[in-house]
Amino acid sequence: MVSGNESKSQQKHGITTSEAEEVFYDKDILPLGIQVQPLPNEIRFGVIGKSANDKILFVSFTIRDLKIIIISTRKASKCRISSKCTT
């Protein structure tokens, strides 16, 4: 896996790249679907899962050349968990 905005997620949200990658190994990962707004210039997906130290994280990612590219990672908010965010 590769992080597209590695330093941004760590500086802005305090989540390291390795911590973000741990979400993809969570057996209870929750796929949220494809981002539709704002419309990105490439297909982006969202998931919620736990890191190894039990942080519940929201991860936005895309796939390029058969590799997962992490766009953004942050602690999951209640609206992200319920999939009812308006922004």
C-alpha atoms as a PDB file:
ATOM      1  CA  MET A   1       0.000   0.000   0.000  1.00  0.00           C
ATOM      2  CA  VAL A   2       1.060   3.521  -0.660  1.00  0.00           C
ATOM      3  CA  SER A   3      -0.157   6.683   1.004  1.00  0.00           C
ATOM      4  CA  GLY A   4      -0.867   9.512  -1.391  1.00  0.00           C
ATOM      5  CA  ASN A   5      -0.988  12.164   1.343  1.00  0.00           C
ATOM      6  CA  GLU A   6       1.156  10.513   3.971  1.00  0.00           C
ATOM      7  CA  SER A   7       2.336  13.647   5.759  1.00  0.00           C
ATOM      8  CA  LYS A   8      -1.066  15.365   5.501  1.00  0.00           C
ATOM      9  CA  SER A   9      -2.932  12.650   7.419  1.00  0.00           C
ATOM     10  CA  GLN A  10      -0.229  12.503  10.063  1.00  0.00           C
ATOM     11  CA  GLN A  11       0.078  16.274  10.517  1.00  0.00           C
ATOM     12  CA  LYS A  12      -3.610  17.098  10.302  1.00  0.00           C
ATOM     13  CA  HIS A  13      -5.171  14.043  11.964  1.00  0.00           C
ATOM     14  CA  GLY A  14      -2.330  12.374  13.899  1.00  0.00           C
ATOM     15  CA  ILE A  15      -2.645   9.081  11.998  1.00  0.00           C
ATOM     16  CA  THR A  16       0.504   7.396  10.681  1.00  0.00           C
ATOM     17  CA  THR A  17       0.611   5.545   7.373  1.00  0.00           C
ATOM     18  CA  SER A  18       1.168   2.195   9.077  1.00  0.00           C
ATOM     19  CA  GLU A  19      -1.802   2.833  11.358  1.00  0.00           C
ATOM     20  CA  ALA A  20      -3.981   3.651   8.332  1.00  0.00           C
ATOM     21  CA  GLU A  21      -2.865   0.442   6.598  1.00  0.00           C
ATOM     22  CA  GLU A  22      -3.892  -1.613   9.646  1.00  0.00           C
ATOM     23  CA  VAL A  23      -7.550  -0.826   8.873  1.00  0.00           C
ATOM     24  CA  PHE A  24      -7.367  -3.066   5.786  1.00  0.00           C
ATOM     25  CA  TYR A  25      -6.532  -6.049   8.028  1.00  0.00           C
ATOM     26  CA  ASP A  26      -9.550  -5.511  10.303  1.00  0.00           C
ATOM     27  CA  LYS A  27     -11.845  -8.522   9.897  1.00  0.00           C
ATOM     28  CA  ASP A  28     -14.843  -6.270  10.588  1.00  0.00           C
ATOM     29  CA  ILE A  29     -13.948  -3.533   8.070  1.00  0.00           C
ATOM     30  CA  LEU A  30     -17.013  -1.608   6.896  1.00  0.00           C
ATOM     31  CA  PRO A  31     -17.045  -0.569   3.227  1.00  0.00           C
ATOM     32  CA  LEU A  32     -18.870   2.723   2.685  1.00  0.00           C
ATOM     33  CA  GLY A  33     -18.869   2.780  -1.109  1.00  0.00           C
ATOM     34  CA  ILE A  34     -17.668   5.180  -3.768  1.00  0.00           C
ATOM     35  CA  GLN A  35     -17.232   8.914  -3.206  1.00  0.00           C
ATOM     36  CA  VAL A  36     -19.761  10.878  -5.245  1.00  0.00           C
ATOM     37  CA  GLN A  37     -19.502  14.364  -3.761  1.00  0.00           C
ATOM     38  CA  PRO A  38     -17.432  16.328  -4.344  1.00  0.00           C
ATOM     39  CA  LEU A  39     -16.834  14.388  -7.534  1.00  0.00           C
ATOM     40  CA  PRO A  40     -13.154  13.383  -7.619  1.00  0.00           C
ATOM     41  CA  ASN A  41     -11.179  13.006 -10.844  1.00  0.00           C
ATOM     42  CA  GLU A  42     -10.630   9.322 -10.026  1.00  0.00           C
ATOM     43  CA  ILE A  43     -12.730   6.677  -8.285  1.00  0.00           C
ATOM     44  CA  ARG A  44     -12.357   6.917  -4.497  1.00  0.00           C
ATOM     45  CA  PHE A  45     -13.616   4.498  -1.899  1.00  0.00           C
ATOM     46  CA  GLY A  46     -14.272   4.828   1.814  1.00  0.00           C
ATOM     47  CA  VAL A  47     -13.993   2.297   4.623  1.00  0.00           C
ATOM     48  CA  ILE A  48     -14.200   2.327   8.398  1.00  0.00           C
ATOM     49  CA  GLY A  49     -12.172  -0.080  10.477  1.00  0.00           C
ATOM     50  CA  LYS A  50     -10.009  -0.477  13.546  1.00  0.00           C
ATOM     51  CA  SER A  51      -6.281   0.005  13.805  1.00  0.00           C
ATOM     52  CA  ALA A  52      -4.200  -2.436  15.849  1.00  0.00           C
ATOM     53  CA  ASN A  53      -4.567  -0.170  18.901  1.00  0.00           C
ATOM     54  CA  ASP A  54      -8.382  -0.084  18.516  1.00  0.00           C
ATOM     55  CA  LYS A  55      -8.739   3.397  17.021  1.00  0.00           C
ATOM     56  CA  ILE A  56     -11.798   3.500  14.759  1.00  0.00           C
ATOM     57  CA  LEU A  57     -10.636   5.153  11.538  1.00  0.00           C
ATOM     58  CA  PHE A  58     -12.184   6.399   8.307  1.00  0.00           C
ATOM     59  CA  VAL A  59      -9.925   5.776   5.293  1.00  0.00           C
ATOM     60  CA  SER A  60     -10.435   7.261   1.831  1.00  0.00           C
ATOM     61  CA  PHE A  61      -8.459   5.501  -0.889  1.00  0.00           C
ATOM     62  CA  THR A  62      -8.169   4.793  -4.587  1.00  0.00           C
ATOM     63  CA  ILE A  63      -6.582   1.994  -6.581  1.00  0.00           C
ATOM     64  CA  ARG A  64      -3.802   2.702  -9.085  1.00  0.00           C
ATOM     65  CA  ASP A  65      -1.803   0.024 -10.895  1.00  0.00           C
ATOM     66  CA  LEU A  66      -3.368  -2.648  -8.625  1.00  0.00           C
ATOM     67  CA  LYS A  67      -2.129  -0.834  -5.487  1.00  0.00           C
ATOM     68  CA  ILE A  68      -4.217   0.726  -2.746  1.00  0.00           C
ATOM     69  CA  ILE A  69      -3.378   4.417  -2.498  1.00  0.00           C
ATOM     70  CA  ILE A  70      -4.533   5.992   0.758  1.00  0.00           C
ATOM     71  CA  ILE A  71      -5.868   9.501   0.164  1.00  0.00           C
ATOM     72  CA  SER A  72      -6.850  10.473   3.695  1.00  0.00           C
ATOM     73  CA  THR A  73      -7.227   8.924   7.134  1.00  0.00           C
ATOM     74  CA  ARG A  74      -8.881  10.338  10.226  1.00  0.00           C
ATOM     75  CA  LYS A  75     -10.667   9.176  13.326  1.00  0.00           C
ATOM     76  CA  ALA A  76     -14.172   8.122  12.338  1.00  0.00           C
ATOM     77  CA  SER A  77     -16.880  10.546  13.405  1.00  0.00           C
ATOM     78  CA  LYS A  78     -20.439   9.539  14.274  1.00  0.00           C
ATOM     79  CA  CYS A  79     -21.732  10.846  10.944  1.00  0.00           C
ATOM     80  CA  ARG A  80     -19.145   8.804   9.002  1.00  0.00           C
ATOM     81  CA  ILE A  81     -20.070   5.667  10.935  1.00  0.00           C
ATOM     82  CA  SER A  82     -23.770   6.183  10.207  1.00  0.00           C
ATOM     83  CA  SER A  83     -23.000   7.191   6.572  1.00  0.00           C
ATOM     84  CA  LYS A  84     -25.153  10.307   6.967  1.00  0.00           C
ATOM     85  CA  CYS A  85     -22.551  13.048   6.574  1.00  0.00           C
ATOM     86  CA  THR A  86     -23.558  16.029   4.523  1.00  0.00           C
ATOM     87  CA  THR A  87     -19.993  17.174   3.851  1.00  0.00           C
END
